[in-house]
N, C-alpha and C. Protein backbone atom coordinates (compact mmCIF):
# COMPACT_ATOMS: atom_id res chain seq x y z
N UNK A 1 -29.94 -29.15 23.31
CA UNK A 1 -30.21 -27.79 24.56
C UNK A 1 -30.48 -27.98 25.88
N UNK A 2 -29.88 -27.59 27.37
CA UNK A 2 -29.70 -26.91 28.41
C UNK A 2 -31.33 -27.14 28.76
N UNK A 3 -32.02 -27.74 29.43
CA UNK A 3 -33.23 -27.99 30.10
C UNK A 3 -33.75 -26.69 30.43
N UNK A 4 -32.27 -25.93 31.52
CA UNK A 4 -32.18 -24.92 32.06
C UNK A 4 -33.00 -23.54 31.07
N UNK A 5 -32.02 -23.57 30.29
CA UNK A 5 -32.37 -23.02 28.96
C UNK A 5 -34.19 -22.41 28.42
N UNK A 6 -34.66 -23.81 28.45
CA UNK A 6 -35.82 -24.41 27.29
C UNK A 6 -36.48 -23.32 28.45
N UNK A 7 -37.25 -22.38 28.29
CA UNK A 7 -38.48 -21.92 28.32
C UNK A 7 -39.79 -23.30 28.45
N UNK A 8 -40.77 -22.64 29.60
CA UNK A 8 -41.47 -24.13 29.57
C UNK A 8 -42.99 -23.29 28.80
N UNK A 9 -43.68 -24.39 28.45
CA UNK A 9 -44.75 -23.83 27.37
C UNK A 9 -46.11 -22.57 27.93
N UNK A 10 -45.72 -22.98 29.63
CA UNK A 10 -46.11 -21.54 30.61
C UNK A 10 -45.96 -20.84 30.48
N UNK A 11 -44.72 -20.20 30.01
CA UNK A 11 -44.29 -18.75 30.29
C UNK A 11 -43.24 -18.48 29.26
N UNK A 12 -44.53 -18.69 28.00
CA UNK A 12 -44.15 -18.64 26.76
C UNK A 12 -44.76 -17.73 26.84
N UNK A 13 -45.05 -16.16 26.15
CA UNK A 13 -45.88 -15.04 25.54
C UNK A 13 -47.50 -15.95 24.89
N UNK A 14 -48.65 -15.48 25.11
CA UNK A 14 -49.64 -15.51 24.63
C UNK A 14 -48.89 -14.75 22.95
N UNK A 15 -49.03 -15.46 21.73
CA UNK A 15 -49.47 -14.78 20.73
C UNK A 15 -50.92 -14.81 19.94
N UNK A 16 -50.94 -13.67 19.91
CA UNK A 16 -52.50 -12.70 19.22
C UNK A 16 -52.36 -13.54 17.50
N UNK A 17 -53.00 -13.54 16.96
CA UNK A 17 -52.26 -13.82 15.43
C UNK A 17 -53.76 -12.87 14.68
N UNK A 18 -54.55 -12.17 15.53
CA UNK A 18 -54.95 -11.17 15.10
C UNK A 18 -53.92 -9.90 14.67
N UNK A 19 -54.44 -9.13 14.25
CA UNK A 19 -54.07 -7.73 14.23
C UNK A 19 -55.26 -6.24 14.04
N UNK A 20 -56.57 -6.97 14.22
CA UNK A 20 -57.39 -5.93 15.00
C UNK A 20 -56.89 -5.33 15.60
N UNK A 21 -56.91 -3.57 15.60
CA UNK A 21 -56.86 -3.40 17.61
C UNK A 21 -57.99 -3.81 18.06
N UNK A 22 -58.71 -4.25 18.22
CA UNK A 22 -59.60 -4.51 18.86
C UNK A 22 -60.13 -5.52 19.48
N UNK A 23 -58.87 -6.83 19.34
CA UNK A 23 -59.10 -8.17 19.15
C UNK A 23 -57.81 -8.34 19.85
N UNK A 24 -56.80 -7.41 20.16
CA UNK A 24 -55.45 -7.44 21.35
C UNK A 24 -55.82 -6.63 22.85
N UNK A 25 -55.59 -8.39 23.92
CA UNK A 25 -55.54 -8.68 25.27
C UNK A 25 -55.52 -7.11 25.53
N UNK A 26 -55.08 -6.82 27.24
CA UNK A 26 -55.03 -5.14 27.21
C UNK A 26 -53.67 -5.85 28.38
N UNK A 27 -52.93 -5.30 28.01
CA UNK A 27 -51.43 -5.84 28.86
C UNK A 27 -51.65 -6.02 30.22
N UNK A 28 -50.84 -6.53 30.78
CA UNK A 28 -50.71 -6.93 32.75
C UNK A 28 -50.29 -5.89 33.10
N UNK A 29 -48.59 -6.05 32.59
CA UNK A 29 -48.06 -4.61 33.07
C UNK A 29 -48.42 -3.81 33.44
N UNK A 30 -48.63 -2.98 34.63
CA UNK A 30 -49.80 -1.86 34.66
C UNK A 30 -48.97 -0.91 33.82
N UNK A 31 -47.46 -1.22 34.14
CA UNK A 31 -47.22 0.17 33.66
C UNK A 31 -47.08 0.60 32.17
N UNK A 32 -47.21 -1.20 31.47
CA UNK A 32 -47.87 -0.82 29.42
C UNK A 32 -48.71 -0.21 29.42
N UNK A 33 -49.89 -0.34 31.09
CA UNK A 33 -51.34 -0.12 30.91
C UNK A 33 -51.62 0.85 30.80
N UNK A 34 -50.50 1.81 31.50
CA UNK A 34 -51.02 2.92 32.52
C UNK A 34 -50.80 3.56 30.72
N UNK A 35 -49.37 3.21 29.94
CA UNK A 35 -48.69 3.88 28.27
C UNK A 35 -49.65 3.60 27.26
N UNK A 36 -50.62 3.11 28.10
CA UNK A 36 -51.67 2.44 26.62
C UNK A 36 -52.33 3.66 26.68
N UNK A 37 -53.03 3.44 27.76
CA UNK A 37 -54.62 4.14 28.42
C UNK A 37 -53.72 5.70 27.15
N UNK A 38 -52.94 5.99 27.40
CA UNK A 38 -51.51 7.20 27.73
C UNK A 38 -51.88 8.17 26.31
N UNK A 39 -51.40 6.27 25.60
CA UNK A 39 -51.29 7.00 23.99
C UNK A 39 -53.15 7.13 23.79
N UNK A 40 -53.86 5.85 24.01
CA UNK A 40 -55.21 6.49 23.38
C UNK A 40 -55.86 7.43 24.47
N UNK A 41 -55.32 8.62 24.71
CA UNK A 41 -56.56 9.34 25.67
C UNK A 41 -55.12 9.99 24.49
N UNK A 42 -54.00 10.48 24.26
CA UNK A 42 -53.68 11.20 22.96
C UNK A 42 -54.27 11.46 21.39
N UNK A 43 -54.52 10.15 21.28
CA UNK A 43 -55.14 10.04 20.01
C UNK A 43 -56.14 9.87 19.63
N UNK A 44 -57.57 9.75 20.78
CA UNK A 44 -58.44 10.56 21.07
C UNK A 44 -58.77 12.15 21.31
N UNK A 45 -57.16 13.05 21.80
CA UNK A 45 -57.25 14.09 21.52
C UNK A 45 -57.14 14.63 19.85
N UNK A 46 -56.12 14.44 19.08
CA UNK A 46 -56.27 14.31 18.33
C UNK A 46 -57.41 14.44 17.26
N UNK A 47 -58.55 13.80 17.67
CA UNK A 47 -59.99 14.00 16.89
C UNK A 47 -60.72 15.30 16.46
N UNK A 48 -60.08 16.04 17.82
CA UNK A 48 -60.43 17.81 16.61
C UNK A 48 -60.10 18.41 15.71
N UNK A 49 -59.04 17.67 15.22
CA UNK A 49 -58.31 18.33 13.90
C UNK A 49 -58.57 17.92 12.45
N UNK A 50 -58.18 18.61 11.85
CA UNK A 50 -58.68 17.91 9.98
C UNK A 50 -58.25 16.93 9.39
N UNK A 51 -59.33 16.42 8.70
CA UNK A 51 -58.67 14.59 8.10
C UNK A 51 -56.56 14.63 8.03
N UNK A 52 -56.24 16.20 7.38
CA UNK A 52 -55.27 15.26 7.25
C UNK A 52 -54.21 15.79 7.87
N UNK A 53 -54.36 16.90 8.66
CA UNK A 53 -53.26 16.74 9.93
C UNK A 53 -53.72 15.84 10.99
N UNK A 54 -55.16 15.44 10.90
CA UNK A 54 -54.66 14.25 11.99
C UNK A 54 -54.21 13.03 11.42
N UNK A 55 -54.35 12.53 10.04
CA UNK A 55 -53.52 10.99 9.89
C UNK A 55 -51.94 11.42 9.73
N UNK A 56 -51.41 12.74 9.76
CA UNK A 56 -49.95 12.71 10.26
C UNK A 56 -49.89 13.11 10.90
N UNK A 57 -50.05 13.85 11.71
CA UNK A 57 -49.92 13.32 13.64
C UNK A 57 -50.15 12.40 13.46
N UNK A 58 -50.83 10.82 13.71
CA UNK A 58 -51.07 9.98 14.01
C UNK A 58 -50.54 9.20 12.83
N UNK A 59 -49.74 8.93 11.27
CA UNK A 59 -48.73 8.11 11.25
C UNK A 59 -47.08 8.84 12.04
N UNK A 60 -47.12 9.88 12.45
CA UNK A 60 -45.58 10.69 13.19
C UNK A 60 -46.34 10.14 13.82
N UNK A 61 -47.27 10.29 15.26
CA UNK A 61 -46.71 9.16 16.29
C UNK A 61 -46.57 7.61 16.10
N UNK A 62 -46.84 6.62 15.26
CA UNK A 62 -46.57 4.95 14.93
C UNK A 62 -45.37 5.07 14.53
N UNK A 63 -44.23 6.59 14.15
CA UNK A 63 -43.23 5.75 13.59
C UNK A 63 -42.65 6.46 14.28
N UNK A 64 -42.80 6.70 15.43
CA UNK A 64 -42.13 7.53 16.90
C UNK A 64 -42.41 6.32 18.05
N UNK A 65 -43.02 6.13 17.99
CA UNK A 65 -43.66 4.77 18.64
C UNK A 65 -43.02 3.45 18.30
N UNK A 66 -42.82 3.63 17.54
CA UNK A 66 -42.08 2.34 16.22
C UNK A 66 -40.39 1.72 16.24
N UNK A 67 -39.81 3.32 16.73
CA UNK A 67 -38.39 3.39 16.42
C UNK A 67 -38.29 3.55 17.62
N UNK A 68 -38.65 4.08 19.04
CA UNK A 68 -37.90 4.11 20.32
C UNK A 68 -38.14 1.87 20.93
N UNK A 69 -39.69 1.52 20.16
CA UNK A 69 -39.89 0.28 20.58
C UNK A 69 -38.82 -0.65 20.18
N UNK A 70 -38.59 -0.74 18.56
CA UNK A 70 -37.82 -1.43 18.14
C UNK A 70 -36.13 -1.05 18.40
N UNK A 71 -35.73 -0.34 19.20
CA UNK A 71 -34.64 0.21 19.66
C UNK A 71 -34.93 -0.60 21.71
N UNK A 72 -35.91 -0.41 22.16
CA UNK A 72 -36.07 -1.14 22.97
C UNK A 72 -35.98 -2.13 23.40
N UNK A 73 -36.46 -3.19 21.87
CA UNK A 73 -36.71 -4.57 22.16
C UNK A 73 -35.05 -4.97 21.70
N UNK A 74 -34.57 -4.06 20.77
CA UNK A 74 -32.84 -4.86 20.65
C UNK A 74 -32.17 -4.76 21.22
N UNK A 75 -32.36 -3.49 22.80
CA UNK A 75 -31.73 -4.06 23.20
C UNK A 75 -31.54 -4.78 24.05
N UNK A 76 -32.92 -6.02 24.25
CA UNK A 76 -33.28 -6.53 24.55
C UNK A 76 -33.26 -7.35 24.66
N UNK A 77 -33.13 -7.71 23.09
CA UNK A 77 -32.51 -9.41 22.57
C UNK A 77 -30.90 -9.08 22.62
N UNK A 78 -30.29 -8.41 22.22
CA UNK A 78 -29.28 -8.37 22.84
C UNK A 78 -28.71 -8.64 24.87
N UNK A 79 -29.03 -8.04 25.72
CA UNK A 79 -29.10 -8.51 26.90
C UNK A 79 -29.81 -10.17 26.49
N UNK A 80 -30.98 -10.70 26.14
CA UNK A 80 -30.81 -11.86 26.48
C UNK A 80 -29.61 -13.03 25.68
N UNK A 81 -29.64 -12.70 25.02
CA UNK A 81 -28.27 -13.46 23.95
C UNK A 81 -27.08 -13.46 24.87
N UNK A 82 -26.43 -12.03 25.37
CA UNK A 82 -25.35 -12.21 26.38
C UNK A 82 -25.48 -12.44 27.67
N UNK A 83 -26.93 -13.45 27.31
CA UNK A 83 -27.00 -14.25 28.89
C UNK A 83 -27.45 -15.73 28.34
N UNK A 84 -26.62 -16.18 27.03
CA UNK A 84 -27.37 -17.16 26.40
C UNK A 84 -28.06 -17.79 25.79
N UNK A 85 -28.93 -16.70 25.09
CA UNK A 85 -30.54 -16.98 25.06
C UNK A 85 -29.54 -17.88 23.41
N UNK A 86 -30.72 -18.90 22.80
CA UNK A 86 -30.44 -18.87 21.68
C UNK A 86 -31.48 -17.29 21.09
N UNK A 87 -31.56 -18.05 19.03
CA UNK A 87 -32.49 -16.71 19.13
C UNK A 87 -34.04 -17.79 18.97
N UNK A 88 -33.98 -18.53 19.13
CA UNK A 88 -35.43 -19.46 18.84
C UNK A 88 -35.95 -19.33 20.09
N UNK A 89 -35.56 -18.86 21.29
CA UNK A 89 -36.07 -18.42 22.63
C UNK A 89 -35.89 -17.07 22.52
N UNK A 90 -35.88 -16.29 22.38
CA UNK A 90 -35.73 -15.22 22.01
C UNK A 90 -37.05 -14.84 20.87
N UNK A 91 -36.90 -15.32 20.14
CA UNK A 91 -38.03 -14.88 18.96
C UNK A 91 -39.73 -15.89 20.02
N UNK A 92 -39.94 -16.90 20.56
CA UNK A 92 -40.03 -17.19 20.85
C UNK A 92 -40.64 -15.85 22.21
N UNK A 93 -40.26 -15.61 23.05
CA UNK A 93 -40.37 -14.52 23.58
C UNK A 93 -40.70 -13.04 23.09
N UNK A 94 -40.36 -12.67 22.16
CA UNK A 94 -40.66 -11.54 21.06
C UNK A 94 -41.56 -11.66 20.07
N UNK A 95 -42.52 -12.75 20.13
CA UNK A 95 -43.61 -12.98 18.84
C UNK A 95 -43.42 -12.60 17.47
N UNK A 96 -41.43 -12.79 17.48
CA UNK A 96 -41.31 -12.94 16.85
C UNK A 96 -40.61 -14.62 15.89
N UNK A 97 -40.01 -14.40 14.55
CA UNK A 97 -39.03 -15.93 13.99
C UNK A 97 -37.62 -15.65 14.60
N UNK A 98 -37.30 -16.75 14.69
CA UNK A 98 -35.44 -16.58 15.18
C UNK A 98 -34.74 -15.55 14.09
N UNK A 99 -35.03 -15.71 12.70
CA UNK A 99 -34.59 -14.39 11.78
C UNK A 99 -34.57 -13.47 11.58
N UNK A 100 -35.54 -13.17 11.88
CA UNK A 100 -36.05 -11.30 12.38
C UNK A 100 -35.65 -11.08 14.55
N UNK A 101 -35.34 -11.83 14.86
CA UNK A 101 -33.93 -11.65 15.28
C UNK A 101 -32.85 -11.86 15.22
N UNK A 102 -32.58 -12.32 14.52
CA UNK A 102 -30.57 -12.85 13.61
C UNK A 102 -30.73 -10.78 13.16
N UNK A 103 -32.02 -11.19 12.39
CA UNK A 103 -31.50 -9.20 12.14
C UNK A 103 -31.57 -8.82 12.30
N UNK A 104 -32.13 -8.43 13.60
CA UNK A 104 -32.27 -6.90 14.14
C UNK A 104 -30.87 -7.37 15.54
N UNK A 105 -30.59 -8.16 15.21
CA UNK A 105 -29.40 -8.12 15.83
C UNK A 105 -28.61 -7.29 15.68
N UNK A 106 -27.80 -7.81 13.56
CA UNK A 106 -27.62 -8.08 12.64
C UNK A 106 -27.07 -5.69 12.56
N UNK A 107 -28.72 -5.45 12.16
CA UNK A 107 -28.76 -4.69 11.85
C UNK A 107 -27.71 -2.50 13.22
N UNK A 108 -27.78 -3.58 14.05
CA UNK A 108 -28.03 -2.63 15.75
C UNK A 108 -28.54 -1.07 15.58
N UNK A 109 -27.88 -0.72 16.08
CA UNK A 109 -29.33 0.56 16.77
C UNK A 109 -29.35 2.29 15.65
N UNK A 110 -30.52 2.31 15.17
CA UNK A 110 -31.01 2.94 13.89
C UNK A 110 -30.61 4.53 13.87
């Protein structure tokens, strides 16, 4: 492997093993932090809804965010691949396996 293409350990993103919402560190990027706060405020605003309506709204929000984030991630993966990055390097930065990267690149846009 070309040493220039291999990320240093300090450059790799920290992967949190925990999936519990309270265990995740806040985003370091100011834009992501602002978006996270806005989404949190929107979710808090749904607290006045009846449980069925609130659950449906939150499920719809999650699906919409997943769709947008997955497509943005797929585009970033394509860009990195176009710049010569290996599947394993992309996976290290994206926080997934190289096989998941391969699958996302094969799937194309949804």
